[in-house]
Amino acid sequence: MTKTITLAHGNGGAENNELIKEVFYVAFKNEILEKSEDAAVIQNGTLAFSTDSFTVSPLFFNGANIGKLAICGTCNDLAMMGAKPKYLTCSVIIEEGFEVEQLERIVASMKKELEINGAIIVSGDTKVVPKGAVDKIFINTTGIGEILYKGISSNNITQNDLILVNRDIGAHGATIFAAREGMDMNSELKSDCNSLYPQVKALIDAGIKITALRDATRGGVSAVLNEWAKQSNICIEVEEEKIPVCDEVKGICEMLGFEATNLANEGTFVLAIPQEFAAKAIEVLQTFPEASKACIIGKVTNQYDKKVILNSSWGTKRFLDTPTGELLPRIC
């Protein structure tokens, strides 16, 4: 690992994984942490516990802002463990000179998203630092959720599972890039930032058996699938033509050489569902407007050890690797 921190260490890909494993895991090693789930399962499997920090730039973008992002991010991590978000903390670091009107807009969006999740802020902290010490505002949220469905784990995926996504991918990363670069897309492209608990609750209520869930934030779908392949010692084969990508995201990817599977999402999650429940899971998800493109994108095999394979419509195949380098800094 390099001797200094680079922006690539925060991309959710290979460098980020290396930093976590070689620095933080070495110091904090324990049985719960080593499971590498979206949230820690604690209190004899009854509670999920997660924390996240948010530094997106720009603060306001089509579809959301840093406040909505902060609530969705932590609540979604809890939902990925089959938990209902209950209690959150909120800590903010605000730069001197930040406009109160903008802060009020951010807090209002947080309040709205809390109501969707049925959660409340129960504690917090506020720091104001001199101008230039941070970029406008940083937010940290920590959450506790009540586990409604036990046993969800990215360490338990088998060849009986199919791989699904709940919607089209890459919209958040593409939106942030377009906003940051001042690109006039003349389109309806907007972040997918959204609370996922209602969709997860619907799956649970429908009796769907769930093996694993993971929201595809930094590093996108590529990062999730590679983490799963390593954690469960499996091979995941993905059909490229089945991965839903909207035209606007395709356009940005083609123009700038991005891979849609590497782009960040904030309302998109990947599911490992036993084959016999996959069709029903899609039916349930598609009752939500934002999940109308939910579909099966792949399967679990033993073709290669701990690898993800992308099968093209032309009959070729290649490894879909964990993202590396600096793609889009400050996307969440």
C-alpha atoms as a PDB file:
ATOM      1  CA  MET A   1       0.000   0.000   0.000  1.00  0.00           C
ATOM      2  CA  THR A   2       1.196   3.561  -0.696  1.00  0.00           C
ATOM      3  CA  LYS A   3       2.611   5.575   2.209  1.00  0.00           C
ATOM      4  CA  THR A   4       0.165   8.447   1.779  1.00  0.00           C
ATOM      5  CA  ILE A   5      -3.612   8.579   1.368  1.00  0.00           C
ATOM      6  CA  THR A   6      -4.906   9.362  -2.114  1.00  0.00           C
ATOM      7  CA  LEU A   7      -8.413  10.106  -3.349  1.00  0.00           C
ATOM      8  CA  ALA A   8      -8.476   6.590  -4.797  1.00  0.00           C
ATOM      9  CA  HIS A   9      -8.460   5.239  -1.236  1.00  0.00           C
ATOM     10  CA  GLY A  10     -12.017   6.564  -0.864  1.00  0.00           C
ATOM     11  CA  ASN A  11     -13.483   5.178  -4.092  1.00  0.00           C
ATOM     12  CA  GLY A  12     -15.040   2.030  -2.635  1.00  0.00           C
ATOM     13  CA  GLY A  13     -12.813  -0.119  -4.846  1.00  0.00           C
ATOM     14  CA  ALA A  14      -9.518  -1.980  -4.552  1.00  0.00           C
ATOM     15  CA  GLU A  15      -7.534   0.804  -2.864  1.00  0.00           C
ATOM     16  CA  ASN A  16     -10.312   1.451  -0.368  1.00  0.00           C
ATOM     17  CA  ASN A  17     -10.519  -2.256   0.489  1.00  0.00           C
ATOM     18  CA  GLU A  18      -6.757  -2.410   0.929  1.00  0.00           C
ATOM     19  CA  LEU A  19      -6.766   0.583   3.285  1.00  0.00           C
ATOM     20  CA  ILE A  20      -9.548  -0.875   5.417  1.00  0.00           C
ATOM     21  CA  LYS A  21      -7.981  -4.326   5.663  1.00  0.00           C
ATOM     22  CA  GLU A  22      -4.370  -3.286   6.206  1.00  0.00           C
ATOM     23  CA  VAL A  23      -4.950  -0.421   8.622  1.00  0.00           C
ATOM     24  CA  PHE A  24      -8.366  -0.487  10.297  1.00  0.00           C
ATOM     25  CA  TYR A  25      -9.021  -4.240  10.359  1.00  0.00           C
ATOM     26  CA  VAL A  26      -5.524  -4.854  11.732  1.00  0.00           C
ATOM     27  CA  ALA A  27      -6.175  -2.489  14.632  1.00  0.00           C
ATOM     28  CA  PHE A  28      -9.842  -3.255  15.301  1.00  0.00           C
ATOM     29  CA  LYS A  29     -10.040  -6.939  14.341  1.00  0.00           C
ATOM     30  CA  ASN A  30     -13.044  -8.767  15.801  1.00  0.00           C
ATOM     31  CA  GLU A  31     -15.611 -11.351  14.734  1.00  0.00           C
ATOM     32  CA  ILE A  32     -18.380  -8.856  13.944  1.00  0.00           C
ATOM     33  CA  LEU A  33     -16.202  -6.460  11.929  1.00  0.00           C
ATOM     34  CA  GLU A  34     -14.655  -9.233   9.848  1.00  0.00           C
ATOM     35  CA  LYS A  35     -18.028 -10.212   8.404  1.00  0.00           C
ATOM     36  CA  SER A  36     -17.813  -7.033   6.258  1.00  0.00           C
ATOM     37  CA  GLU A  37     -21.547  -6.532   6.018  1.00  0.00           C
ATOM     38  CA  ASP A  38     -23.364  -3.249   5.313  1.00  0.00           C
ATOM     39  CA  ALA A  39     -24.223  -3.063   9.017  1.00  0.00           C
ATOM     40  CA  ALA A  40     -23.041  -4.900  12.110  1.00  0.00           C
ATOM     41  CA  VAL A  41     -25.443  -7.447  13.566  1.00  0.00           C
ATOM     42  CA  ILE A  42     -25.361  -7.092  17.349  1.00  0.00           C
ATOM     43  CA  GLN A  43     -27.345  -7.900  20.514  1.00  0.00           C
ATOM     44  CA  ASN A  44     -27.820 -11.603  19.760  1.00  0.00           C
ATOM     45  CA  GLY A  45     -28.978 -10.915  16.214  1.00  0.00           C
ATOM     46  CA  THR A  46     -31.772  -8.517  17.153  1.00  0.00           C
ATOM     47  CA  LEU A  47     -30.188  -5.198  16.137  1.00  0.00           C
ATOM     48  CA  ALA A  48     -28.269  -3.791  13.170  1.00  0.00           C
ATOM     49  CA  PHE A  49     -25.779  -0.963  13.707  1.00  0.00           C
ATOM     50  CA  SER A  50     -24.120   1.245  11.069  1.00  0.00           C
ATOM     51  CA  THR A  51     -22.366   4.579  10.591  1.00  0.00           C
ATOM     52  CA  ASP A  52     -21.442   6.673   7.560  1.00  0.00           C
ATOM     53  CA  SER A  53     -20.017  10.090   6.689  1.00  0.00           C
ATOM     54  CA  PHE A  54     -21.087  12.246   3.752  1.00  0.00           C
ATOM     55  CA  THR A  55     -19.011  14.814   1.869  1.00  0.00           C
ATOM     56  CA  VAL A  56     -20.680  15.042  -1.538  1.00  0.00           C
ATOM     57  CA  SER A  57     -19.875  17.876  -3.937  1.00  0.00           C
ATOM     58  CA  PRO A  58     -22.004  19.677  -5.029  1.00  0.00           C
ATOM     59  CA  LEU A  59     -24.220  19.671  -1.946  1.00  0.00           C
ATOM     60  CA  PHE A  60     -27.419  20.011  -4.007  1.00  0.00           C
ATOM     61  CA  PHE A  61     -27.983  17.984  -7.182  1.00  0.00           C
ATOM     62  CA  ASN A  62     -30.876  16.722  -9.251  1.00  0.00           C
ATOM     63  CA  GLY A  63     -32.851  14.239  -7.165  1.00  0.00           C
ATOM     64  CA  ALA A  64     -31.362  14.894  -3.730  1.00  0.00           C
ATOM     65  CA  ASN A  65     -28.874  16.782  -1.570  1.00  0.00           C
ATOM     66  CA  ILE A  66     -26.333  15.894   1.106  1.00  0.00           C
ATOM     67  CA  GLY A  67     -29.061  15.752   3.774  1.00  0.00           C
ATOM     68  CA  LYS A  68     -31.278  13.241   2.004  1.00  0.00           C
ATOM     69  CA  LEU A  69     -28.132  11.305   1.123  1.00  0.00           C
ATOM     70  CA  ALA A  70     -27.063  11.126   4.777  1.00  0.00           C
ATOM     71  CA  ILE A  71     -30.347   9.641   5.958  1.00  0.00           C
ATOM     72  CA  CYS A  72     -30.777   7.290   3.009  1.00  0.00           C
ATOM     73  CA  GLY A  73     -27.178   6.098   3.290  1.00  0.00           C
ATOM     74  CA  THR A  74     -27.394   4.935   6.887  1.00  0.00           C
ATOM     75  CA  CYS A  75     -31.003   3.733   6.775  1.00  0.00           C
ATOM     76  CA  ASN A  76     -30.271   1.750   3.613  1.00  0.00           C
ATOM     77  CA  ASP A  77     -27.288   0.039   5.235  1.00  0.00           C
ATOM     78  CA  LEU A  78     -29.584  -1.076   8.050  1.00  0.00           C
ATOM     79  CA  ALA A  79     -32.251  -2.242   5.600  1.00  0.00           C
ATOM     80  CA  MET A  80     -29.667  -4.371   3.771  1.00  0.00           C
ATOM     81  CA  MET A  81     -29.444  -6.493   6.923  1.00  0.00           C
ATOM     82  CA  GLY A  82     -33.212  -6.941   7.053  1.00  0.00           C
ATOM     83  CA  ALA A  83     -33.608  -4.258   9.712  1.00  0.00           C
ATOM     84  CA  LYS A  84     -36.135  -1.483  10.220  1.00  0.00           C
ATOM     85  CA  PRO A  85     -34.296   1.813  10.863  1.00  0.00           C
ATOM     86  CA  LYS A  86     -35.243   3.122  14.309  1.00  0.00           C
ATOM     87  CA  TYR A  87     -32.769   5.536  15.892  1.00  0.00           C
ATOM     88  CA  LEU A  88     -30.133   7.742  14.289  1.00  0.00           C
ATOM     89  CA  THR A  89     -27.520  10.202  15.464  1.00  0.00           C
ATOM     90  CA  CYS A  90     -26.506  13.190  13.354  1.00  0.00           C
ATOM     91  CA  SER A  91     -23.182  15.007  13.594  1.00  0.00           C
ATOM     92  CA  VAL A  92     -22.321  17.948  11.360  1.00  0.00           C
ATOM     93  CA  ILE A  93     -19.122  19.869  10.710  1.00  0.00           C
ATOM     94  CA  ILE A  94     -20.019  23.244   9.204  1.00  0.00           C
ATOM     95  CA  GLU A  95     -17.680  25.726   7.586  1.00  0.00           C
ATOM     96  CA  GLU A  96     -17.757  29.303   8.862  1.00  0.00           C
ATOM     97  CA  GLY A  97     -19.885  31.419   6.517  1.00  0.00           C
ATOM     98  CA  PHE A  98     -22.249  28.632   5.442  1.00  0.00           C
ATOM     99  CA  GLU A  99     -25.721  29.983   4.671  1.00  0.00           C
ATOM    100  CA  VAL A 100     -28.408  29.133   7.233  1.00  0.00           C
ATOM    101  CA  GLU A 101     -31.020  28.931   4.457  1.00  0.00           C
ATOM    102  CA  GLN A 102     -29.065  26.091   2.831  1.00  0.00           C
ATOM    103  CA  LEU A 103     -28.706  24.333   6.173  1.00  0.00           C
ATOM    104  CA  GLU A 104     -32.464  24.558   6.683  1.00  0.00           C
ATOM    105  CA  ARG A 105     -33.078  22.996   3.252  1.00  0.00           C
ATOM    106  CA  ILE A 106     -30.682  20.163   4.075  1.00  0.00           C
ATOM    107  CA  VAL A 107     -32.304  19.502   7.462  1.00  0.00           C
ATOM    108  CA  ALA A 108     -35.810  19.592   5.931  1.00  0.00           C
ATOM    109  CA  SER A 109     -34.840  16.886   3.441  1.00  0.00           C
ATOM    110  CA  MET A 110     -33.413  14.805   6.296  1.00  0.00           C
ATOM    111  CA  LYS A 111     -36.684  15.139   8.213  1.00  0.00           C
ATOM    112  CA  LYS A 112     -38.697  13.968   5.196  1.00  0.00           C
ATOM    113  CA  GLU A 113     -36.510  10.896   4.685  1.00  0.00           C
ATOM    114  CA  LEU A 114     -36.643   9.997   8.373  1.00  0.00           C
ATOM    115  CA  GLU A 115     -40.439   9.949   8.129  1.00  0.00           C
ATOM    116  CA  ILE A 116     -40.294   7.540   5.171  1.00  0.00           C
ATOM    117  CA  ASN A 117     -38.152   5.166   7.218  1.00  0.00           C
ATOM    118  CA  GLY A 118     -40.107   5.606  10.441  1.00  0.00           C
ATOM    119  CA  ALA A 119     -36.897   6.625  12.220  1.00  0.00           C
ATOM    120  CA  ILE A 120     -35.918   9.509  14.495  1.00  0.00           C
ATOM    121  CA  ILE A 121     -32.771  11.469  15.345  1.00  0.00           C
ATOM    122  CA  VAL A 122     -32.054  10.902  19.044  1.00  0.00           C
ATOM    123  CA  SER A 123     -28.619  12.495  19.459  1.00  0.00           C
ATOM    124  CA  GLY A 124     -26.172  14.701  17.597  1.00  0.00           C
ATOM    125  CA  ASP A 125     -23.226  17.039  17.571  1.00  0.00           C
ATOM    126  CA  THR A 126     -22.458  20.304  15.790  1.00  0.00           C
ATOM    127  CA  LYS A 127     -19.032  21.765  15.090  1.00  0.00           C
ATOM    128  CA  VAL A 128     -18.241  24.999  13.252  1.00  0.00           C
ATOM    129  CA  VAL A 129     -14.725  25.295  11.842  1.00  0.00           C
ATOM    130  CA  PRO A 130     -12.840  28.215  10.229  1.00  0.00           C
ATOM    131  CA  LYS A 131     -13.407  28.927   6.547  1.00  0.00           C
ATOM    132  CA  GLY A 132     -11.389  26.539   4.430  1.00  0.00           C
ATOM    133  CA  ALA A 133     -11.086  23.840   7.097  1.00  0.00           C
ATOM    134  CA  VAL A 134     -13.859  21.788   5.401  1.00  0.00           C
ATOM    135  CA  ASP A 135     -15.750  22.156   2.139  1.00  0.00           C
ATOM    136  CA  LYS A 136     -19.008  23.781   3.308  1.00  0.00           C
ATOM    137  CA  ILE A 137     -20.530  20.927   5.370  1.00  0.00           C
ATOM    138  CA  PHE A 138     -19.764  17.316   6.276  1.00  0.00           C
ATOM    139  CA  ILE A 139     -22.429  15.083   7.865  1.00  0.00           C
ATOM    140  CA  ASN A 140     -22.109  11.834   9.813  1.00  0.00           C
ATOM    141  CA  THR A 141     -25.106   9.651  10.622  1.00  0.00           C
ATOM    142  CA  THR A 142     -25.116   6.536  12.779  1.00  0.00           C
ATOM    143  CA  GLY A 143     -28.129   4.265  12.979  1.00  0.00           C
ATOM    144  CA  ILE A 144     -29.625   1.388  14.921  1.00  0.00           C
ATOM    145  CA  GLY A 145     -32.321  -0.803  13.404  1.00  0.00           C
ATOM    146  CA  GLU A 146     -34.509  -3.653  14.598  1.00  0.00           C
ATOM    147  CA  ILE A 147     -33.825  -6.796  12.578  1.00  0.00           C
ATOM    148  CA  LEU A 148     -37.062  -8.145  11.088  1.00  0.00           C
ATOM    149  CA  TYR A 149     -35.485 -10.861   8.930  1.00  0.00           C
ATOM    150  CA  LYS A 150     -32.515 -12.748  10.362  1.00  0.00           C
ATOM    151  CA  GLY A 151     -29.730 -14.510   8.509  1.00  0.00           C
ATOM    152  CA  ILE A 152     -29.027 -12.124   5.627  1.00  0.00           C
ATOM    153  CA  SER A 153     -25.306 -12.336   4.904  1.00  0.00           C
ATOM    154  CA  SER A 154     -22.967 -11.856   1.942  1.00  0.00           C
ATOM    155  CA  ASN A 155     -20.937 -14.738   3.365  1.00  0.00           C
ATOM    156  CA  ASN A 156     -23.675 -17.325   2.664  1.00  0.00           C
ATOM    157  CA  ILE A 157     -24.265 -17.066  -1.102  1.00  0.00           C
ATOM    158  CA  THR A 158     -24.408 -20.411  -2.951  1.00  0.00           C
ATOM    159  CA  GLN A 159     -25.018 -21.798  -6.432  1.00  0.00           C
ATOM    160  CA  ASN A 160     -28.726 -21.964  -5.622  1.00  0.00           C
ATOM    161  CA  ASP A 161     -28.869 -18.154  -5.749  1.00  0.00           C
ATOM    162  CA  LEU A 162     -29.593 -15.794  -8.619  1.00  0.00           C
ATOM    163  CA  ILE A 163     -28.298 -12.220  -8.708  1.00  0.00           C
ATOM    164  CA  LEU A 164     -30.837  -9.395  -9.101  1.00  0.00           C
ATOM    165  CA  VAL A 165     -30.824  -5.609  -9.117  1.00  0.00           C
ATOM    166  CA  ASN A 166     -33.813  -3.507  -8.118  1.00  0.00           C
ATOM    167  CA  ARG A 167     -33.436  -0.831 -10.823  1.00  0.00           C
ATOM    168  CA  ASP A 168     -31.192   0.709 -13.482  1.00  0.00           C
ATOM    169  CA  ILE A 169     -27.642   1.425 -12.335  1.00  0.00           C
ATOM    170  CA  GLY A 170     -25.195   4.342 -12.256  1.00  0.00           C
ATOM    171  CA  ALA A 171     -27.633   7.259 -12.053  1.00  0.00           C
ATOM    172  CA  HIS A 172     -26.144   8.814  -8.909  1.00  0.00           C
ATOM    173  CA  GLY A 173     -22.533   8.808 -10.103  1.00  0.00           C
ATOM    174  CA  ALA A 174     -23.522  10.147 -13.523  1.00  0.00           C
ATOM    175  CA  THR A 175     -25.699  12.894 -11.993  1.00  0.00           C
ATOM    176  CA  ILE A 176     -22.952  14.049  -9.625  1.00  0.00           C
ATOM    177  CA  PHE A 177     -20.429  14.157 -12.453  1.00  0.00           C
ATOM    178  CA  ALA A 178     -22.774  16.114 -14.726  1.00  0.00           C
ATOM    179  CA  ALA A 179     -23.562  18.611 -11.946  1.00  0.00           C
ATOM    180  CA  ARG A 180     -19.910  19.042 -10.962  1.00  0.00           C
ATOM    181  CA  GLU A 181     -18.764  19.621 -14.518  1.00  0.00           C
ATOM    182  CA  GLY A 182     -21.679  21.909 -15.404  1.00  0.00           C
ATOM    183  CA  MET A 183     -22.883  19.591 -18.155  1.00  0.00           C
ATOM    184  CA  ASP A 184     -26.289  20.562 -19.541  1.00  0.00           C
ATOM    185  CA  MET A 185     -27.725  17.117 -20.262  1.00  0.00           C
ATOM    186  CA  ASN A 186     -31.105  18.457 -21.425  1.00  0.00           C
ATOM    187  CA  SER A 187     -32.572  15.270 -20.005  1.00  0.00           C
ATOM    188  CA  GLU A 188     -34.323  13.857 -16.961  1.00  0.00           C
ATOM    189  CA  LEU A 189     -31.149  12.356 -15.473  1.00  0.00           C
ATOM    190  CA  LYS A 190     -31.257  12.480 -11.689  1.00  0.00           C
ATOM    191  CA  SER A 191     -29.741  10.670  -8.746  1.00  0.00           C
ATOM    192  CA  ASP A 192     -31.382   7.425  -7.681  1.00  0.00           C
ATOM    193  CA  CYS A 193     -31.006   8.511  -4.025  1.00  0.00           C
ATOM    194  CA  ASN A 194     -33.909   6.813  -2.277  1.00  0.00           C
ATOM    195  CA  SER A 195     -34.830   5.014   0.934  1.00  0.00           C
ATOM    196  CA  LEU A 196     -34.761   1.259   0.349  1.00  0.00           C
ATOM    197  CA  TYR A 197     -36.437   0.052   3.530  1.00  0.00           C
ATOM    198  CA  PRO A 198     -39.971   0.048   1.993  1.00  0.00           C
ATOM    199  CA  GLN A 199     -38.778  -2.276  -0.789  1.00  0.00           C
ATOM    200  CA  VAL A 200     -36.974  -4.604   1.624  1.00  0.00           C
ATOM    201  CA  LYS A 201     -40.013  -4.666   3.932  1.00  0.00           C
ATOM    202  CA  ALA A 202     -42.224  -5.620   0.983  1.00  0.00           C
ATOM    203  CA  LEU A 203     -39.923  -8.547   0.147  1.00  0.00           C
ATOM    204  CA  ILE A 204     -40.010  -9.719   3.757  1.00  0.00           C
ATOM    205  CA  ASP A 205     -43.803  -9.369   3.980  1.00  0.00           C
ATOM    206  CA  ALA A 206     -44.181 -11.395   0.771  1.00  0.00           C
ATOM    207  CA  GLY A 207     -42.282 -14.298   2.313  1.00  0.00           C
ATOM    208  CA  ILE A 208     -39.315 -14.023  -0.060  1.00  0.00           C
ATOM    209  CA  LYS A 209     -36.279 -15.974   1.110  1.00  0.00           C
ATOM    210  CA  ILE A 210     -33.284 -13.632   1.042  1.00  0.00           C
ATOM    211  CA  THR A 211     -29.648 -14.736   1.033  1.00  0.00           C
ATOM    212  CA  ALA A 212     -27.877 -11.365   0.711  1.00  0.00           C
ATOM    213  CA  LEU A 213     -28.561  -7.694   0.018  1.00  0.00           C
ATOM    214  CA  ARG A 214     -26.108  -4.879  -0.613  1.00  0.00           C
ATOM    215  CA  ASP A 215     -26.662  -1.292  -1.742  1.00  0.00           C
ATOM    216  CA  ALA A 216     -24.269  -0.498  -4.572  1.00  0.00           C
ATOM    217  CA  THR A 217     -22.829   2.825  -3.387  1.00  0.00           C
ATOM    218  CA  ARG A 218     -19.129   3.641  -3.899  1.00  0.00           C
ATOM    219  CA  GLY A 219     -17.607   1.279  -6.435  1.00  0.00           C
ATOM    220  CA  GLY A 220     -21.036   0.450  -7.832  1.00  0.00           C
ATOM    221  CA  VAL A 221     -22.314  -2.972  -8.794  1.00  0.00           C
ATOM    222  CA  SER A 222     -18.791  -4.127  -9.697  1.00  0.00           C
ATOM    223  CA  ALA A 223     -17.558  -3.591  -6.148  1.00  0.00           C
ATOM    224  CA  VAL A 224     -20.545  -5.393  -4.618  1.00  0.00           C
ATOM    225  CA  LEU A 225     -20.247  -8.459  -6.840  1.00  0.00           C
ATOM    226  CA  ASN A 226     -16.503  -8.775  -6.298  1.00  0.00           C
ATOM    227  CA  GLU A 227     -16.913  -8.459  -2.533  1.00  0.00           C
ATOM    228  CA  TRP A 228     -19.580 -11.175  -2.606  1.00  0.00           C
ATOM    229  CA  ALA A 229     -17.461 -13.483  -4.763  1.00  0.00           C
ATOM    230  CA  LYS A 230     -14.590 -13.255  -2.296  1.00  0.00           C
ATOM    231  CA  GLN A 231     -16.695 -13.408   0.865  1.00  0.00           C
ATOM    232  CA  SER A 232     -18.680 -16.481  -0.200  1.00  0.00           C
ATOM    233  CA  ASN A 233     -15.872 -18.120  -2.219  1.00  0.00           C
ATOM    234  CA  ILE A 234     -18.003 -18.276  -5.370  1.00  0.00           C
ATOM    235  CA  CYS A 235     -18.003 -17.231  -9.009  1.00  0.00           C
ATOM    236  CA  ILE A 236     -20.687 -14.809 -10.195  1.00  0.00           C
ATOM    237  CA  GLU A 237     -21.580 -14.743 -13.886  1.00  0.00           C
ATOM    238  CA  VAL A 238     -23.387 -11.632 -15.092  1.00  0.00           C
ATOM    239  CA  GLU A 239     -25.147 -11.169 -18.428  1.00  0.00           C
ATOM    240  CA  GLU A 240     -24.108  -7.738 -19.699  1.00  0.00           C
ATOM    241  CA  GLU A 241     -27.212  -7.166 -21.820  1.00  0.00           C
ATOM    242  CA  LYS A 242     -29.473  -7.796 -18.816  1.00  0.00           C
ATOM    243  CA  ILE A 243     -27.943  -5.040 -16.658  1.00  0.00           C
ATOM    244  CA  PRO A 244     -30.411  -2.112 -16.800  1.00  0.00           C
ATOM    245  CA  VAL A 245     -28.726   1.196 -17.685  1.00  0.00           C
ATOM    246  CA  CYS A 246     -30.713   4.278 -18.727  1.00  0.00           C
ATOM    247  CA  ASP A 247     -29.825   6.102 -21.947  1.00  0.00           C
ATOM    248  CA  GLU A 248     -28.466   9.172 -20.134  1.00  0.00           C
ATOM    249  CA  VAL A 249     -26.022   7.101 -18.093  1.00  0.00           C
ATOM    250  CA  LYS A 250     -25.008   5.165 -21.197  1.00  0.00           C
ATOM    251  CA  GLY A 251     -24.303   8.457 -22.948  1.00  0.00           C
ATOM    252  CA  ILE A 252     -22.039   9.748 -20.167  1.00  0.00           C
ATOM    253  CA  CYS A 253     -20.223   6.420 -20.012  1.00  0.00           C
ATOM    254  CA  GLU A 254     -19.640   6.342 -23.770  1.00  0.00           C
ATOM    255  CA  MET A 255     -18.516   9.968 -23.832  1.00  0.00           C
ATOM    256  CA  LEU A 256     -16.080   9.702 -20.932  1.00  0.00           C
ATOM    257  CA  GLY A 257     -15.047   6.064 -20.975  1.00  0.00           C
ATOM    258  CA  PHE A 258     -16.760   5.117 -17.705  1.00  0.00           C
ATOM    259  CA  GLU A 259     -18.173   1.685 -16.873  1.00  0.00           C
ATOM    260  CA  ALA A 260     -21.758   1.926 -15.652  1.00  0.00           C
ATOM    261  CA  THR A 261     -21.104  -1.003 -13.321  1.00  0.00           C
ATOM    262  CA  ASN A 262     -18.438   1.083 -11.530  1.00  0.00           C
ATOM    263  CA  LEU A 263     -20.612   4.153 -11.001  1.00  0.00           C
ATOM    264  CA  ALA A 264     -22.023   4.921  -7.557  1.00  0.00           C
ATOM    265  CA  ASN A 265     -25.675   4.441  -6.667  1.00  0.00           C
ATOM    266  CA  GLU A 266     -27.723   5.611  -3.682  1.00  0.00           C
ATOM    267  CA  GLY A 267     -31.037   3.849  -4.259  1.00  0.00           C
ATOM    268  CA  THR A 268     -29.936   0.729  -6.089  1.00  0.00           C
ATOM    269  CA  PHE A 269     -29.291  -2.580  -4.388  1.00  0.00           C
ATOM    270  CA  VAL A 270     -28.080  -5.996  -5.450  1.00  0.00           C
ATOM    271  CA  LEU A 271     -29.881  -9.109  -4.240  1.00  0.00           C
ATOM    272  CA  ALA A 272     -28.871 -12.757  -3.957  1.00  0.00           C
ATOM    273  CA  ILE A 273     -32.148 -14.685  -3.951  1.00  0.00           C
ATOM    274  CA  PRO A 274     -32.703 -18.473  -4.113  1.00  0.00           C
ATOM    275  CA  GLN A 275     -33.774 -19.420  -7.638  1.00  0.00           C
ATOM    276  CA  GLU A 276     -37.256 -20.502  -6.600  1.00  0.00           C
ATOM    277  CA  PHE A 277     -37.991 -17.065  -5.088  1.00  0.00           C
ATOM    278  CA  ALA A 278     -36.399 -14.841  -7.764  1.00  0.00           C
ATOM    279  CA  ALA A 279     -39.444 -14.358  -9.990  1.00  0.00           C
ATOM    280  CA  LYS A 280     -41.640 -13.475  -7.017  1.00  0.00           C
ATOM    281  CA  ALA A 281     -39.012 -11.026  -5.743  1.00  0.00           C
ATOM    282  CA  ILE A 282     -39.034  -9.201  -9.079  1.00  0.00           C
ATOM    283  CA  GLU A 283     -42.826  -9.077  -9.048  1.00  0.00           C
ATOM    284  CA  VAL A 284     -42.791  -7.516  -5.567  1.00  0.00           C
ATOM    285  CA  LEU A 285     -40.083  -4.980  -6.421  1.00  0.00           C
ATOM    286  CA  GLN A 286     -41.802  -3.872  -9.617  1.00  0.00           C
ATOM    287  CA  THR A 287     -44.800  -2.666  -7.620  1.00  0.00           C
ATOM    288  CA  PHE A 288     -42.548   0.305  -6.701  1.00  0.00           C
ATOM    289  CA  PRO A 289     -42.241   2.905  -9.498  1.00  0.00           C
ATOM    290  CA  GLU A 290     -38.533   3.381  -8.849  1.00  0.00           C
ATOM    291  CA  ALA A 291     -37.981  -0.402  -9.138  1.00  0.00           C
ATOM    292  CA  SER A 292     -39.904  -0.955 -12.359  1.00  0.00           C
ATOM    293  CA  LYS A 293     -36.707  -2.245 -14.034  1.00  0.00           C
ATOM    294  CA  ALA A 294     -35.921  -4.834 -11.353  1.00  0.00           C
ATOM    295  CA  CYS A 295     -34.493  -7.937 -13.018  1.00  0.00           C
ATOM    296  CA  ILE A 296     -32.179 -10.934 -12.829  1.00  0.00           C
ATOM    297  CA  ILE A 297     -28.688 -10.092 -14.077  1.00  0.00           C
ATOM    298  CA  GLY A 298     -26.676 -13.187 -13.207  1.00  0.00           C
ATOM    299  CA  LYS A 299     -26.129 -16.464 -11.431  1.00  0.00           C
ATOM    300  CA  VAL A 300     -23.681 -18.143  -9.086  1.00  0.00           C
ATOM    301  CA  THR A 301     -21.353 -20.796 -10.557  1.00  0.00           C
ATOM    302  CA  ASN A 302     -18.015 -22.437  -9.809  1.00  0.00           C
ATOM    303  CA  GLN A 303     -16.321 -21.529 -13.095  1.00  0.00           C
ATOM    304  CA  TYR A 304     -13.592 -19.399 -11.477  1.00  0.00           C
ATOM    305  CA  ASP A 305     -12.664 -19.075  -7.823  1.00  0.00           C
ATOM    306  CA  LYS A 306     -13.723 -15.763  -6.257  1.00  0.00           C
ATOM    307  CA  LYS A 307     -14.214 -14.028  -9.616  1.00  0.00           C
ATOM    308  CA  VAL A 308     -16.954 -12.093 -11.417  1.00  0.00           C
ATOM    309  CA  ILE A 309     -17.439 -12.795 -15.122  1.00  0.00           C
ATOM    310  CA  LEU A 310     -19.246 -10.506 -17.542  1.00  0.00           C
ATOM    311  CA  ASN A 311     -20.819 -12.379 -20.480  1.00  0.00           C
ATOM    312  CA  SER A 312     -21.455 -10.207 -23.533  1.00  0.00           C
ATOM    313  CA  SER A 313     -24.263 -10.577 -26.054  1.00  0.00           C
ATOM    314  CA  TRP A 314     -21.571 -11.475 -28.617  1.00  0.00           C
ATOM    315  CA  GLY A 315     -20.640 -14.649 -26.784  1.00  0.00           C
ATOM    316  CA  THR A 316     -17.416 -13.271 -25.333  1.00  0.00           C
ATOM    317  CA  LYS A 317     -16.598 -13.004 -21.655  1.00  0.00           C
ATOM    318  CA  ARG A 318     -14.239 -11.032 -19.438  1.00  0.00           C
ATOM    319  CA  PHE A 319     -13.536 -10.593 -15.771  1.00  0.00           C
ATOM    320  CA  LEU A 320     -15.446  -7.749 -14.121  1.00  0.00           C
ATOM    321  CA  ASP A 321     -12.841  -6.527 -11.666  1.00  0.00           C
ATOM    322  CA  THR A 322     -13.075  -4.392  -8.546  1.00  0.00           C
ATOM    323  CA  PRO A 323     -12.807  -0.718  -9.576  1.00  0.00           C
ATOM    324  CA  THR A 324      -9.398   0.885  -9.123  1.00  0.00           C
ATOM    325  CA  GLY A 325      -8.095   4.441  -9.249  1.00  0.00           C
ATOM    326  CA  GLU A 326      -9.938   7.713  -8.837  1.00  0.00           C
ATOM    327  CA  LEU A 327     -13.216   7.660 -10.745  1.00  0.00           C
ATOM    328  CA  LEU A 328     -15.576  10.200  -9.193  1.00  0.00           C
ATOM    329  CA  PRO A 329     -14.339  11.792  -5.942  1.00  0.00           C
ATOM    330  CA  ARG A 330     -16.849  13.108  -3.389  1.00  0.00           C
ATOM    331  CA  ILE A 331     -19.897  11.203  -4.665  1.00  0.00           C
ATOM    332  CA  CYS A 332     -21.331  10.520  -1.213  1.00  0.00           C
END
